[in-house]
Amino acid sequence: MRILLLLLIAFLACGENEEVENELVNTTVVPGREAVGIKLGDDLDKVRELYGEPQLDYRPEWYKTLPWTIAYDWSDLGVTVYFDNDRAVEIGVRNAEARTTNGLSVGSSWDEVHEVYGNEENVDSGQGGALFVFGHGDAKYSDAYTSKGIEFRYTIEPFVVVQMVVFDVTRDAVVDVE
């Protein structure tokens, strides 16, 4: 009975009968520069002008090596913006409508990504524990094309993109948030 009540509360909280008011104002993802109308360097007020109030925020106090200090998530749009010093330093996109200038999107396969970007010497690949992807804790692998300013995060089964992250190619790899 308790589980049924929790499921009912979760269903009502999701508001499945409500229409989403927001939609992407732009579906273009430009590696190293911008995504879905948000440019690297934009402040939170600029992002709010485009998409309203975020549904979630995340403060990574227990991590010490991230290039951002707070992230805001627009869950209804599949967009997460990572901020440091009140400026967007990374933009994560989980919305399949958004596409890179080369046509890649959420749902693209690893092979499709590598057809476009190849196996660069400076690609940073990672595999292991769940990557930080709002709504997709099952992301297990990533390829960051450091000279291009884009990272693709994948699930393993099937091996497809679940998030694209745009970042500044001149950023430091990690910073101490203490």
Protein backbone atom coordinates (compact mmCIF):
# COMPACT_ATOMS: atom_id res chain seq x y z
CA MET A 1 0.00 0.00 0.00
CA ARG A 2 2.83 2.34 0.86
CA ILE A 3 4.49 1.74 -2.52
CA LEU A 4 1.22 2.37 -4.34
CA LEU A 5 0.80 5.68 -2.50
CA LEU A 6 4.38 6.72 -3.39
CA LEU A 7 3.79 5.85 -7.04
CA LEU A 8 0.59 7.91 -7.07
CA ILE A 9 2.38 10.89 -5.52
CA ALA A 10 5.21 10.57 -8.05
CA PHE A 11 2.71 10.39 -10.93
CA LEU A 12 0.88 13.51 -9.75
CA ALA A 13 4.14 15.37 -9.12
CA CYS A 14 5.30 14.68 -12.68
CA GLY A 15 2.29 16.54 -14.06
CA GLU A 16 1.93 14.26 -17.07
CA ASN A 17 -1.34 15.95 -17.98
CA GLU A 18 0.29 19.37 -18.17
CA GLU A 19 1.73 20.61 -21.43
CA VAL A 20 5.34 21.68 -21.40
CA GLU A 21 5.43 25.45 -21.76
CA ASN A 22 9.04 25.63 -22.85
CA GLU A 23 10.57 24.38 -26.04
CA LEU A 24 14.04 24.78 -27.42
CA VAL A 25 14.46 28.24 -28.93
CA ASN A 26 17.32 26.93 -31.03
CA THR A 27 18.32 23.34 -31.79
CA THR A 28 21.87 23.99 -32.97
CA VAL A 29 24.90 22.67 -31.07
CA VAL A 30 28.18 24.36 -32.02
CA PRO A 31 31.15 22.60 -30.41
CA GLY A 32 33.33 24.92 -28.34
CA ARG A 33 30.85 27.81 -28.58
CA GLU A 34 27.17 27.28 -27.85
CA ALA A 35 24.21 24.94 -27.61
CA VAL A 36 20.44 25.44 -27.96
CA GLY A 37 20.75 29.24 -27.93
CA ILE A 38 23.03 29.39 -24.87
CA LYS A 39 26.59 30.62 -25.39
CA LEU A 40 29.55 29.72 -23.24
CA GLY A 41 30.07 32.71 -20.96
CA ASP A 42 26.36 33.56 -20.67
CA ASP A 43 25.12 34.23 -17.15
CA LEU A 44 22.15 32.56 -15.45
CA ASP A 45 19.88 35.56 -16.14
CA LYS A 46 20.45 35.16 -19.89
CA VAL A 47 19.57 31.46 -19.71
CA ARG A 48 16.46 32.26 -17.62
CA GLU A 49 15.38 34.74 -20.32
CA LEU A 50 15.50 31.91 -22.85
CA TYR A 51 14.07 29.03 -20.81
CA GLY A 52 12.61 30.30 -17.52
CA GLU A 53 13.43 28.92 -14.09
CA PRO A 54 15.41 25.68 -13.88
CA GLN A 55 13.76 22.63 -12.28
CA LEU A 56 16.91 21.41 -10.48
CA ASP A 57 20.24 22.63 -9.25
CA TYR A 58 23.27 20.63 -8.28
CA ARG A 59 26.19 21.73 -6.14
CA PRO A 60 29.12 19.31 -6.33
CA GLU A 61 30.65 20.08 -2.92
CA TRP A 62 31.96 16.56 -2.48
CA TYR A 63 33.93 16.65 -5.71
CA LYS A 64 37.17 18.59 -5.85
CA THR A 65 38.12 18.40 -9.51
CA LEU A 66 35.31 19.81 -11.60
CA PRO A 67 35.52 22.83 -13.91
CA TRP A 68 32.21 24.15 -12.52
CA THR A 69 30.71 25.03 -9.14
CA ILE A 70 26.96 24.73 -9.77
CA ALA A 71 24.73 23.22 -12.42
CA TYR A 72 21.14 24.11 -13.27
CA ASP A 73 18.88 21.70 -15.12
CA TRP A 74 15.85 22.36 -17.29
CA SER A 75 14.55 18.79 -17.12
CA ASP A 76 11.57 19.44 -19.37
CA LEU A 77 13.97 20.48 -22.14
CA GLY A 78 16.86 18.09 -21.52
CA VAL A 79 19.31 20.95 -20.95
CA THR A 80 21.86 21.37 -18.16
CA VAL A 81 24.10 24.42 -17.82
CA TYR A 82 27.22 24.20 -15.67
CA PHE A 83 28.43 27.51 -14.18
CA ASP A 84 31.64 28.76 -12.65
CA ASN A 85 32.03 32.37 -11.50
CA ASP A 86 28.42 32.97 -12.63
CA ARG A 87 29.26 32.15 -16.26
CA ALA A 88 28.30 29.10 -18.31
CA VAL A 89 31.38 26.91 -18.73
CA GLU A 90 29.64 23.78 -20.04
CA ILE A 91 26.27 23.15 -21.68
CA GLY A 92 24.83 19.64 -21.61
CA VAL A 93 22.06 18.61 -23.98
CA ARG A 94 19.93 15.46 -23.64
CA ASN A 95 17.25 16.58 -26.11
CA ALA A 96 17.25 14.58 -29.37
CA GLU A 97 15.95 17.60 -31.30
CA ALA A 98 19.29 19.37 -30.80
CA ARG A 99 21.92 18.61 -33.43
CA THR A 100 25.53 19.48 -33.98
CA THR A 101 26.45 21.33 -37.13
CA ASN A 102 27.46 17.87 -38.47
CA GLY A 103 24.05 16.32 -37.73
CA LEU A 104 24.91 14.37 -34.56
CA SER A 105 22.39 14.20 -31.73
CA VAL A 106 21.24 12.24 -28.72
CA GLY A 107 20.61 8.78 -30.12
CA SER A 108 23.58 8.89 -32.52
CA SER A 109 25.77 5.81 -32.36
CA TRP A 110 29.43 5.70 -31.40
CA ASP A 111 30.20 4.79 -35.02
CA GLU A 112 28.37 7.87 -36.30
CA VAL A 113 30.29 10.13 -33.90
CA HIS A 114 33.60 8.59 -34.96
CA GLU A 115 32.70 8.95 -38.66
CA VAL A 116 32.47 12.70 -38.07
CA TYR A 117 35.28 13.26 -35.54
CA GLY A 118 37.52 10.25 -36.13
CA ASN A 119 39.85 8.86 -33.52
CA GLU A 120 41.74 12.04 -32.63
CA GLU A 121 44.93 11.71 -30.70
CA ASN A 122 43.57 14.23 -28.21
CA VAL A 123 40.25 12.52 -27.53
CA ASP A 124 39.86 11.87 -23.82
CA SER A 125 37.85 8.70 -23.38
CA GLY A 126 36.54 7.43 -20.11
CA GLN A 127 34.72 4.35 -18.95
CA GLY A 128 33.52 3.31 -15.56
CA GLY A 129 31.07 4.52 -12.96
CA ALA A 130 27.97 6.49 -13.78
CA LEU A 131 28.81 9.82 -15.36
CA PHE A 132 26.99 12.91 -14.14
CA VAL A 133 24.10 13.19 -16.57
CA PHE A 134 20.81 14.56 -15.24
CA GLY A 135 18.13 12.02 -16.02
CA HIS A 136 20.62 9.44 -17.32
CA GLY A 137 22.58 7.81 -14.53
CA ASP A 138 23.22 4.97 -16.92
CA ALA A 139 25.80 6.86 -18.99
CA LYS A 140 28.96 4.76 -18.71
CA TYR A 141 31.34 5.99 -21.38
CA SER A 142 32.42 9.32 -22.80
CA ASP A 143 34.56 10.75 -25.57
CA ALA A 144 35.71 14.35 -25.08
CA TYR A 145 37.15 15.92 -28.22
CA THR A 146 39.29 18.48 -26.43
CA SER A 147 40.39 20.37 -29.55
CA LYS A 148 36.77 20.71 -30.72
CA GLY A 149 35.05 21.57 -27.41
CA ILE A 150 32.51 18.75 -27.34
CA GLU A 151 32.01 15.60 -25.30
CA PHE A 152 29.67 12.74 -26.12
CA ARG A 153 28.38 10.60 -23.25
CA TYR A 154 27.07 7.13 -24.07
CA THR A 155 25.16 4.24 -22.65
CA ILE A 156 26.75 0.84 -23.24
CA GLU A 157 23.69 -1.21 -24.21
CA PRO A 158 22.94 0.15 -26.77
CA PHE A 159 26.12 2.19 -27.33
CA VAL A 160 24.43 5.50 -28.18
CA VAL A 161 24.78 9.15 -27.17
CA VAL A 162 22.63 10.20 -24.20
CA GLN A 163 24.20 13.64 -23.73
CA MET A 164 26.37 16.09 -25.66
CA VAL A 165 28.40 18.58 -23.63
CA VAL A 166 29.82 21.75 -25.16
CA PHE A 167 32.83 23.32 -23.45
CA ASP A 168 35.50 25.94 -24.10
CA VAL A 169 38.57 24.41 -25.75
CA THR A 170 40.81 26.69 -23.68
CA ARG A 171 39.38 25.59 -20.34
CA ASP A 172 41.59 24.00 -17.74
CA ALA A 173 40.88 20.28 -17.49
CA VAL A 174 40.01 20.50 -13.79
CA VAL A 175 39.85 23.12 -11.06
CA ASP A 176 39.71 22.87 -7.29
CA VAL A 177 36.31 24.04 -6.00
CA GLU A 178 37.51 24.50 -2.41
